[in-house]
Amino acid sequence: EDGIRDRSPSRGLGDVYKRQIMELTIEKAKFHQISLKQVSEALKKGLSKNYIEVDVSIVECPDLRKWDCPAEGISGNQRIIDVGGEPYMHDKRFIGTEFDYEEIAKRIGSEKSYALGAGSGAMSCLEGHCGELIINENLITNESKSIIAQVDKNNKCKSTPYNHRKHGGLGNIYYSEGKKGDVIKIKIKGRSGEQGSLPQSMRTALIENLQTNFSVALGGVFRILNGKIKSHVQPDYADIKHEYYDPKQMKCVKDFLQFYEPIGPHFQCYSVLWTNDPSGGKLDLRESGEHTHFHSYKGTQDAGHYHFDVTPNEIEYECYFNTAEEVHRVNNIYKELKNTN
């Protein structure tokens, strides 16, 4: 009825899918603690090289409930997590792996938090199917605004509410107490540079304009007010007809995703980004250094993983970000496989 393929795990995934709940292993590292003023100055300087109109300021966070978030703000006990990795998603030994991000929150001292970010949907919660999870969840009030994006039988995007606390084999989440406080506001109009991804442009700005080797992380919410983007949603495994994952390299080496381009505007994005690994590489953090998922705030079915804008003259953003104090690396599958392969 909802256009998603046959819900039977046995038919949808053959013998590949097996629900796997992993015992949690958690390591952590601290980011450098610098002021919002230093961060905002670095962002202003760097973003101005890539965008035409850039305004960066420090403001009291507006009430994000007006943006349909389940919390007022993104301040208080701020930290991020990086969970799992590509092997959990694409190595046939591990497909079906899932994590409970409420349980992770308890383990890292973020039990009472507002969680936002990006991950894969837990297949056990999707009757054996795949999806891109937009995490927007208040673990204090139990109010859920999370969304799952899936590929329907006509290869269109289908988005629906997701009322679970589990995600699949990878995920990046920013936890805070959901309180109002000072945040970095960014307003952007028009792109003049080559970097089409806002989070990647922000990473570059921080890397180039802060002290060498500083490790900084941000989490927050931004809106695409105008312009169009490229996105993807992972299709079901049964619909991928070629080998695309190299277990020796522990990463995907061929395209297999369902891309959508151009789509927009009027998208709300939930983003986690960091400049580098504060442990010097020991944590094997997500290679891209960021993870951003989005949904429509004007009622369309568009949702999924944000890549970059495709209309540089038209693109317009409004953003609210805050810093994170530490990263908790949950189930570093790369470390595990290096030690066993």
Protein backbone atom coordinates (compact mmCIF):
# COMPACT_ATOMS: atom_id res chain seq x y z
CA GLU A 1 0.00 0.00 0.00
CA ASP A 2 2.83 2.40 0.77
CA GLY A 3 4.73 1.53 -2.41
CA ILE A 4 7.62 -0.18 -0.63
CA ARG A 5 8.58 -3.58 -2.01
CA ASP A 6 7.32 -6.91 -0.65
CA ARG A 7 7.80 -6.81 3.12
CA SER A 8 8.91 -10.42 3.50
CA PRO A 9 12.56 -10.56 4.64
CA SER A 10 12.95 -14.02 3.08
CA ARG A 11 11.84 -12.82 -0.34
CA GLY A 12 13.36 -9.36 -0.11
CA LEU A 13 16.85 -10.40 0.93
CA GLY A 14 17.28 -14.10 0.32
CA ASP A 15 19.63 -15.59 2.88
CA VAL A 16 21.66 -12.38 3.30
CA TYR A 17 19.64 -10.68 6.04
CA LYS A 18 20.03 -11.86 9.60
CA ARG A 19 19.27 -9.57 12.53
CA GLN A 20 22.45 -9.07 14.50
CA ILE A 21 22.53 -7.11 17.75
CA MET A 22 26.11 -6.30 18.66
CA GLU A 23 27.56 -6.12 22.15
CA LEU A 24 28.61 -2.50 22.60
CA THR A 25 32.27 -1.56 22.72
CA ILE A 26 32.93 2.15 23.23
CA GLU A 27 36.10 4.25 23.11
CA LYS A 28 36.24 8.02 23.43
CA ALA A 29 38.42 11.02 22.70
CA LYS A 30 38.09 14.72 23.51
CA PHE A 31 38.00 17.52 20.98
CA HIS A 32 39.90 20.75 21.52
CA GLN A 33 37.83 23.20 23.52
CA ILE A 34 37.71 26.54 21.76
CA SER A 35 35.21 29.36 21.89
CA LEU A 36 32.25 29.80 19.60
CA LYS A 37 33.85 33.12 18.63
CA GLN A 38 36.98 31.35 17.30
CA VAL A 39 34.85 28.81 15.45
CA SER A 40 32.57 31.46 13.95
CA GLU A 41 35.53 33.57 12.78
CA ALA A 42 37.11 30.54 11.10
CA LEU A 43 33.82 29.66 9.42
CA LYS A 44 33.25 33.22 8.20
CA LYS A 45 36.72 33.41 6.68
CA GLY A 46 36.56 30.01 5.03
CA LEU A 47 32.95 29.99 3.85
CA SER A 48 33.41 33.38 2.21
CA LYS A 49 35.82 31.72 -0.24
CA ASN A 50 33.11 29.30 -1.40
CA TYR A 51 29.87 31.29 -1.13
CA ILE A 52 28.79 34.72 -2.37
CA GLU A 53 26.89 36.05 0.66
CA VAL A 54 27.95 34.72 4.07
CA ASP A 55 26.79 35.93 7.47
CA VAL A 56 28.10 34.11 10.56
CA SER A 57 27.07 35.21 14.04
CA ILE A 58 26.69 33.96 17.59
CA VAL A 59 23.08 34.08 18.74
CA GLU A 60 20.83 32.53 21.35
CA CYS A 61 19.38 29.49 19.65
CA PRO A 62 15.86 30.13 18.38
CA ASP A 63 13.18 27.76 19.59
CA LEU A 64 13.82 24.79 17.30
CA ARG A 65 10.35 23.45 18.06
CA LYS A 66 9.23 25.99 15.47
CA TRP A 67 11.32 23.91 13.02
CA ASP A 68 9.44 20.79 14.17
CA CYS A 69 12.33 19.58 16.33
CA PRO A 70 11.34 17.92 19.63
CA ALA A 71 13.60 20.21 21.69
CA GLU A 72 14.17 23.94 22.12
CA GLY A 73 17.90 23.97 21.46
CA ILE A 74 21.18 22.08 21.00
CA SER A 75 23.10 23.01 24.14
CA GLY A 76 24.16 21.12 27.25
CA ASN A 77 26.50 18.12 27.56
CA GLN A 78 27.29 18.13 23.85
CA ARG A 79 29.00 15.09 22.34
CA ILE A 80 28.89 13.03 19.18
CA ILE A 81 29.03 9.34 18.41
CA ASP A 82 30.35 7.49 15.38
CA VAL A 83 28.87 4.00 15.23
CA GLY A 84 30.02 0.99 13.20
CA GLY A 85 30.98 1.45 9.58
CA GLU A 86 30.63 0.19 6.02
CA PRO A 87 31.51 -3.46 6.78
CA TYR A 88 28.44 -3.74 9.03
CA MET A 89 26.31 -2.49 6.13
CA HIS A 90 27.84 -4.26 3.14
CA ASP A 91 29.93 -7.26 4.20
CA LYS A 92 27.52 -10.20 3.89
CA ARG A 93 28.75 -11.59 7.22
CA PHE A 94 27.32 -8.58 9.04
CA ILE A 95 24.26 -7.38 7.09
CA GLY A 96 21.42 -6.94 9.56
CA THR A 97 23.61 -5.45 12.28
CA GLU A 98 21.79 -2.91 14.41
CA PHE A 99 22.38 -0.65 17.39
CA ASP A 100 20.11 0.92 19.98
CA TYR A 101 21.09 4.59 20.15
CA GLU A 102 19.08 5.13 23.33
CA GLU A 103 21.14 2.41 25.00
CA ILE A 104 24.32 4.03 23.64
CA ALA A 105 23.15 7.35 25.11
CA LYS A 106 22.84 5.70 28.53
CA ARG A 107 26.32 4.20 28.24
CA ILE A 108 28.02 7.52 27.44
CA GLY A 109 26.17 9.70 29.97
CA SER A 110 23.70 11.22 27.49
CA GLU A 111 20.61 9.39 28.71
CA LYS A 112 18.62 12.62 29.03
CA SER A 113 19.28 14.15 25.64
CA TYR A 114 18.03 15.43 22.33
CA ALA A 115 19.55 13.24 19.60
CA LEU A 116 19.92 14.42 16.02
CA GLY A 117 21.84 13.01 13.11
CA ALA A 118 22.13 10.47 10.34
CA GLY A 119 22.23 6.69 10.12
CA SER A 120 20.88 3.66 8.35
CA GLY A 121 17.50 2.30 9.32
CA ALA A 122 17.41 -0.88 11.41
CA MET A 123 16.21 -3.63 9.06
CA SER A 124 14.34 -5.41 11.84
CA CYS A 125 12.20 -2.27 12.20
CA LEU A 126 11.59 -2.12 8.43
CA GLU A 127 10.48 -5.72 7.86
CA GLY A 128 13.84 -6.58 6.33
CA HIS A 129 14.17 -3.54 4.09
CA CYS A 130 16.74 -0.75 3.90
CA GLY A 131 16.40 2.97 4.48
CA GLU A 132 18.12 6.24 5.33
CA LEU A 133 17.33 7.32 8.88
CA ILE A 134 16.91 10.98 9.78
CA ILE A 135 17.34 11.03 13.57
CA ASN A 136 15.37 13.77 15.38
CA GLU A 137 14.53 12.35 18.79
CA ASN A 138 14.01 13.63 22.32
CA LEU A 139 15.12 10.95 24.78
CA ILE A 140 13.95 13.10 27.69
CA THR A 141 10.30 13.52 26.69
CA ASN A 142 10.11 10.44 24.40
CA GLU A 143 8.94 12.68 21.55
CA SER A 144 10.00 11.32 18.17
CA LYS A 145 10.21 13.33 14.96
CA SER A 146 12.50 10.88 13.16
CA ILE A 147 11.92 9.98 9.50
CA ILE A 148 12.91 6.98 7.38
CA ALA A 149 13.52 7.40 3.64
CA GLN A 150 13.16 4.33 1.39
CA VAL A 151 13.13 3.46 -2.30
CA ASP A 152 9.66 2.41 -3.49
CA LYS A 153 8.79 -0.09 -6.23
CA ASN A 154 9.06 2.66 -8.87
CA ASN A 155 12.48 3.81 -7.62
CA LYS A 156 10.91 6.94 -6.13
CA CYS A 157 11.68 8.15 -2.62
CA LYS A 158 9.14 7.31 0.08
CA SER A 159 9.43 8.88 3.54
CA THR A 160 7.49 7.94 6.66
CA PRO A 161 7.72 8.48 10.43
CA TYR A 162 10.18 6.17 12.22
CA ASN A 163 9.25 5.44 15.82
CA HIS A 164 12.16 3.25 16.89
CA ARG A 165 15.40 3.84 18.79
CA LYS A 166 17.48 1.47 16.67
CA HIS A 167 19.65 2.20 13.66
CA GLY A 168 21.55 -0.08 11.30
CA GLY A 169 25.24 -0.75 10.88
CA LEU A 170 26.43 2.85 10.85
CA GLY A 171 25.34 6.16 12.29
CA ASN A 172 26.50 9.57 13.47
CA ILE A 173 24.55 11.34 16.18
CA TYR A 174 24.93 14.63 18.06
CA TYR A 175 23.59 14.47 21.61
CA SER A 176 22.79 17.51 23.75
CA GLU A 177 20.43 18.29 26.60
CA GLY A 178 18.18 20.12 24.14
CA LYS A 179 18.54 23.39 26.00
CA LYS A 180 18.60 26.87 24.56
CA GLY A 181 22.00 28.57 24.59
CA ASP A 182 24.46 30.36 22.38
CA VAL A 183 24.94 28.76 18.95
CA ILE A 184 26.54 29.68 15.64
CA LYS A 185 24.05 30.98 13.09
CA ILE A 186 25.04 30.87 9.42
CA LYS A 187 23.16 32.49 6.56
CA ILE A 188 24.37 31.79 3.02
CA LYS A 189 23.21 32.88 -0.44
CA GLY A 190 24.84 31.73 -3.67
CA ARG A 191 27.93 29.59 -4.24
CA SER A 192 31.02 30.84 -6.08
CA GLY A 193 33.44 27.99 -5.30
CA GLU A 194 33.77 24.35 -6.33
CA GLN A 195 32.69 22.67 -3.07
CA GLY A 196 28.98 21.95 -3.33
CA SER A 197 28.59 20.39 0.13
CA LEU A 198 27.95 22.84 2.94
CA PRO A 199 29.25 20.52 5.73
CA GLN A 200 32.41 19.80 3.72
CA SER A 201 32.89 23.50 3.09
CA MET A 202 32.53 24.09 6.83
CA ARG A 203 35.11 21.38 7.56
CA THR A 204 37.56 22.98 5.12
CA ALA A 205 36.98 26.41 6.68
CA LEU A 206 37.78 25.05 10.15
CA ILE A 207 40.79 23.01 9.04
CA GLU A 208 42.33 25.94 7.15
CA ASN A 209 41.57 28.70 9.64
CA LEU A 210 42.07 27.17 13.07
CA GLN A 211 45.36 26.24 14.71
CA THR A 212 47.10 23.38 12.92
CA ASN A 213 45.81 19.91 13.86
CA PHE A 214 43.03 21.27 16.04
CA SER A 215 40.23 18.71 16.37
CA VAL A 216 36.80 20.32 16.40
CA ALA A 217 33.32 18.88 15.95
CA LEU A 218 29.96 20.51 15.27
CA GLY A 219 26.40 19.29 15.25
CA GLY A 220 23.25 21.05 14.24
CA VAL A 221 20.31 21.72 11.98
CA PHE A 222 20.16 23.66 8.74
CA ARG A 223 17.54 24.45 6.15
CA ILE A 224 17.82 24.66 2.38
CA LEU A 225 15.65 27.70 1.74
CA ASN A 226 16.29 27.89 -1.98
CA GLY A 227 18.07 25.87 -4.65
CA LYS A 228 18.34 22.17 -5.39
CA ILE A 229 20.58 19.32 -4.25
CA LYS A 230 21.73 15.79 -5.03
CA SER A 231 20.80 13.04 -2.57
CA HIS A 232 20.70 9.27 -2.23
CA VAL A 233 18.71 6.53 -0.58
CA GLN A 234 20.06 3.00 -0.22
CA PRO A 235 17.93 0.47 -2.12
CA ASP A 236 17.19 -3.01 -0.80
CA TYR A 237 20.10 -5.44 -1.18
CA ALA A 238 18.02 -7.72 -3.39
CA ASP A 239 17.75 -4.89 -5.94
CA ILE A 240 21.52 -4.41 -6.24
CA LYS A 241 22.52 -6.70 -9.11
CA HIS A 242 26.31 -6.35 -8.99
CA GLU A 243 29.17 -6.72 -6.53
CA TYR A 244 29.99 -3.28 -5.15
CA TYR A 245 31.82 -3.92 -1.87
CA ASP A 246 35.45 -4.94 -1.42
CA PRO A 247 35.89 -6.78 1.91
CA LYS A 248 39.70 -6.41 1.74
CA GLN A 249 39.49 -2.63 1.44
CA MET A 250 36.50 -2.65 3.82
CA LYS A 251 34.63 -0.16 1.67
CA CYS A 252 32.27 0.24 -1.28
CA VAL A 253 34.12 0.51 -4.59
CA LYS A 254 31.21 0.84 -7.08
CA ASP A 255 28.01 2.87 -7.14
CA PHE A 256 24.95 1.02 -5.87
CA LEU A 257 22.79 3.76 -4.39
CA GLN A 258 19.59 5.30 -5.71
CA PHE A 259 20.42 8.92 -6.48
CA TYR A 260 17.97 11.81 -6.77
CA GLU A 261 18.96 15.02 -8.59
CA PRO A 262 17.84 17.76 -8.73
CA ILE A 263 15.48 17.96 -5.77
CA GLY A 264 14.51 20.80 -3.47
CA PRO A 265 14.26 23.28 -1.95
CA HIS A 266 12.62 23.38 1.49
CA PHE A 267 14.67 20.65 3.14
CA GLN A 268 15.70 20.40 6.79
CA CYS A 269 19.09 18.79 7.38
CA TYR A 270 20.59 17.22 10.51
CA SER A 271 24.36 17.28 10.38
CA VAL A 272 27.34 15.98 12.36
CA LEU A 273 30.85 17.00 11.25
CA TRP A 274 34.40 17.00 12.57
CA THR A 275 37.75 18.23 11.29
CA ASN A 276 39.81 15.15 12.12
CA ASP A 277 40.20 12.23 14.52
CA PRO A 278 41.34 13.59 17.91
CA SER A 279 42.91 10.18 18.67
CA GLY A 280 45.27 10.52 15.73
CA GLY A 281 43.45 7.91 13.68
CA LYS A 282 43.02 5.18 16.29
CA LEU A 283 39.24 5.50 16.31
CA ASP A 284 38.81 4.98 12.54
CA LEU A 285 36.17 7.70 12.32
CA ARG A 286 33.94 7.98 9.26
CA GLU A 287 36.22 8.79 6.34
CA SER A 288 34.18 11.72 5.03
CA GLY A 289 34.32 13.57 8.37
CA GLU A 290 30.62 14.36 8.21
CA HIS A 291 27.19 12.79 7.88
CA THR A 292 24.07 14.73 6.93
CA HIS A 293 20.52 13.49 6.36
CA PHE A 294 17.44 15.55 5.52
CA HIS A 295 13.68 15.56 5.05
CA SER A 296 11.24 17.98 3.45
CA TYR A 297 9.60 20.56 5.67
CA LYS A 298 6.98 21.37 3.04
CA GLY A 299 5.33 17.96 2.95
CA THR A 300 6.97 16.28 -0.05
CA GLN A 301 8.31 12.71 0.04
CA ASP A 302 11.92 13.83 -0.48
CA ALA A 303 14.32 12.68 2.24
CA GLY A 304 17.63 10.85 2.58
CA HIS A 305 21.35 11.53 2.50
CA TYR A 306 22.47 15.05 1.50
CA HIS A 307 25.40 15.19 -0.95
CA PHE A 308 25.74 18.75 -2.32
CA ASP A 309 23.89 21.54 -4.07
CA VAL A 310 23.52 21.44 -7.87
CA THR A 311 22.27 25.03 -8.36
CA PRO A 312 25.09 27.28 -7.12
CA ASN A 313 23.41 30.51 -8.17
CA GLU A 314 20.22 29.71 -6.30
CA ILE A 315 21.39 27.91 -3.16
CA GLU A 316 20.43 29.47 0.15
CA TYR A 317 20.95 28.08 3.67
CA GLU A 318 20.01 28.97 7.25
CA CYS A 319 21.97 27.03 9.89
CA TYR A 320 22.32 26.59 13.65
CA PHE A 321 25.35 24.68 14.94
CA ASN A 322 27.05 24.04 18.26
CA THR A 323 30.35 22.45 19.24
CA ALA A 324 30.80 18.96 20.71
CA GLU A 325 33.19 18.24 23.55
CA GLU A 326 34.02 14.62 22.76
CA VAL A 327 33.46 11.73 20.38
CA HIS A 328 32.45 8.25 21.46
CA ARG A 329 33.44 5.59 18.95
CA VAL A 330 30.98 2.71 19.14
CA ASN A 331 31.96 -0.72 17.78
CA ASN A 332 34.96 0.12 15.62
CA ILE A 333 34.47 -2.67 13.09
CA TYR A 334 37.60 -1.63 11.16
CA LYS A 335 39.79 -2.26 14.19
CA GLU A 336 38.11 -5.61 14.77
CA LEU A 337 38.60 -6.76 11.18
CA LYS A 338 42.22 -5.60 11.05
CA ASN A 339 42.92 -7.77 14.07
CA THR A 340 41.13 -10.87 12.70
CA ASN A 341 41.74 -10.80 8.94
